[in-house]
Protein backbone atom coordinates (compact mmCIF):
# COMPACT_ATOMS: atom_id res chain seq x y z
CA MET A 1 -92.79 36.06 -4.56
CA ARG A 2 -91.43 33.26 -2.76
CA PHE A 3 -92.27 32.82 0.91
CA PHE A 4 -90.30 30.29 3.14
CA GLY A 5 -91.83 29.41 6.66
CA LEU A 6 -93.77 26.79 8.23
CA LYS A 7 -97.24 25.85 8.02
CA THR A 8 -97.45 25.41 12.03
CA CYS A 9 -95.76 28.71 12.55
CA ASP A 10 -98.26 31.70 14.04
CA THR A 11 -96.22 34.31 12.43
CA CYS A 12 -96.08 32.61 9.01
CA ARG A 13 -99.68 31.99 9.24
CA LYS A 14 -100.18 36.18 9.98
CA ALA A 15 -97.90 37.33 7.05
CA ARG A 16 -99.23 34.69 4.41
CA LYS A 17 -102.77 35.65 4.97
CA ALA A 18 -102.05 39.51 4.91
CA LEU A 19 -99.81 39.29 1.99
CA GLU A 20 -102.71 37.30 -0.03
CA ALA A 21 -105.03 39.58 1.45
CA ALA A 22 -102.94 42.17 -0.26
CA GLY A 23 -102.88 40.52 -3.46
CA HIS A 24 -99.57 39.06 -3.65
CA GLN A 25 -99.33 35.64 -5.15
CA LEU A 26 -97.16 33.30 -3.11
CA GLU A 27 -95.16 30.21 -3.85
CA VAL A 28 -94.94 28.82 -0.46
CA ILE A 29 -91.98 26.86 0.49
CA ASP A 30 -92.69 24.83 3.84
CA VAL A 31 -88.75 24.49 5.38
CA ARG A 32 -89.91 21.29 7.20
CA ALA A 33 -91.81 19.50 4.68
CA ASP A 34 -90.30 20.61 1.42
CA GLY A 35 -86.66 21.64 2.61
CA ILE A 36 -84.66 24.47 1.58
CA ASP A 37 -82.92 24.37 -2.01
CA PRO A 38 -78.95 24.46 -1.37
CA ALA A 39 -78.94 27.43 -3.78
CA ASP A 40 -81.74 29.37 -1.84
CA LEU A 41 -79.96 28.24 1.30
CA ALA A 42 -76.71 30.03 0.53
CA GLN A 43 -78.51 33.11 -0.48
CA ILE A 44 -80.33 33.37 2.77
CA ILE A 45 -76.53 32.71 4.59
CA ALA A 46 -75.36 35.45 2.05
CA VAL A 47 -77.86 37.93 2.82
CA PHE A 48 -78.58 37.34 6.83
CA GLY A 49 -75.59 35.40 8.12
CA ASP A 50 -75.94 34.50 11.54
CA ALA A 51 -79.23 36.47 11.59
CA ALA A 52 -81.15 33.90 9.79
CA ILE A 53 -80.78 31.59 12.77
CA ASN A 54 -83.82 31.67 15.40
CA ARG A 55 -82.38 31.58 18.53
CA ALA A 56 -85.47 31.81 20.63
CA SER A 57 -86.71 28.52 19.24
CA THR A 58 -87.24 25.24 20.95
CA THR A 59 -85.16 23.51 18.10
CA TRP A 60 -81.99 26.00 19.09
CA ARG A 61 -82.55 25.32 22.85
CA GLY A 62 -82.34 21.34 22.26
CA LEU A 63 -79.24 21.73 20.30
CA SER A 64 -75.89 20.70 22.06
CA GLU A 65 -73.08 23.56 22.32
CA ALA A 66 -71.04 22.03 19.58
CA GLU A 67 -74.13 22.35 17.12
CA LYS A 68 -74.83 25.74 18.43
CA ALA A 69 -71.27 26.71 17.42
CA SER A 70 -71.17 25.21 13.95
CA ASP A 71 -71.67 27.25 10.50
CA PRO A 72 -74.99 28.59 10.04
CA SER A 73 -75.28 26.76 6.67
CA ALA A 74 -74.89 23.54 8.34
CA LEU A 75 -76.99 24.49 11.02
CA LEU A 76 -79.89 25.15 8.69
CA ALA A 77 -79.03 22.63 6.34
CA ALA A 78 -79.48 19.59 9.38
CA HIS A 79 -82.36 21.80 11.20
CA PRO A 80 -84.40 23.79 8.40
CA THR A 81 -87.06 24.98 11.52
CA LEU A 82 -83.88 26.91 13.14
CA MET A 83 -84.57 29.33 10.26
CA LYS A 84 -85.97 32.88 11.41
CA ARG A 85 -89.32 33.06 9.73
CA PRO A 86 -90.90 34.13 7.54
CA VAL A 87 -88.28 34.55 4.94
CA ILE A 88 -89.51 36.30 1.48
CA GLU A 89 -87.94 36.53 -1.73
CA HIS A 90 -89.73 39.27 -4.01
CA ASP A 91 -87.64 40.53 -7.36
CA GLY A 92 -84.46 39.36 -5.86
CA ALA A 93 -84.53 41.09 -2.73
CA TRP A 94 -84.79 39.30 0.32
CA THR A 95 -86.48 39.97 4.21
CA ILE A 96 -86.72 38.05 7.15
CA GLY A 97 -89.31 38.08 9.69
CA TRP A 98 -92.57 39.90 10.13
CA LYS A 99 -92.04 43.06 11.93
CA ALA A 100 -93.42 46.62 11.16
CA ASP A 101 -90.61 47.52 8.53
CA VAL A 102 -91.36 44.13 6.53
CA GLN A 103 -94.89 44.43 6.52
CA ALA A 104 -94.56 48.15 5.37
CA LYS A 105 -92.34 46.90 2.60
CA TYR A 106 -95.04 44.37 1.28
CA LEU A 107 -98.29 45.99 2.36
CA GLY A 108 -97.68 49.66 1.96
CA GLY A 109 -98.14 51.74 5.05
């Protein structure tokens, strides 16, 4: 199970702790420290499209209107912290965020 997130993100920390407690082995990719592999970024954009962008982030609010209007792939390549988190890839299936539906998928319930 691959886990794309940020070490400093509270939601990512909660998700990671819950997944590990449930017995999942995680390969953690910190998008700020490690970056996002171009192939993974392309897959994330293919699956989630524009929804991969976190428009509530401080990074988003700091962008110019021209930057906000640019392609999601270019935005995430330039600003990986703009990615809605966490993104989890497990057995070829992708999820984004840590809402009840994602928790139920990985934790049961």
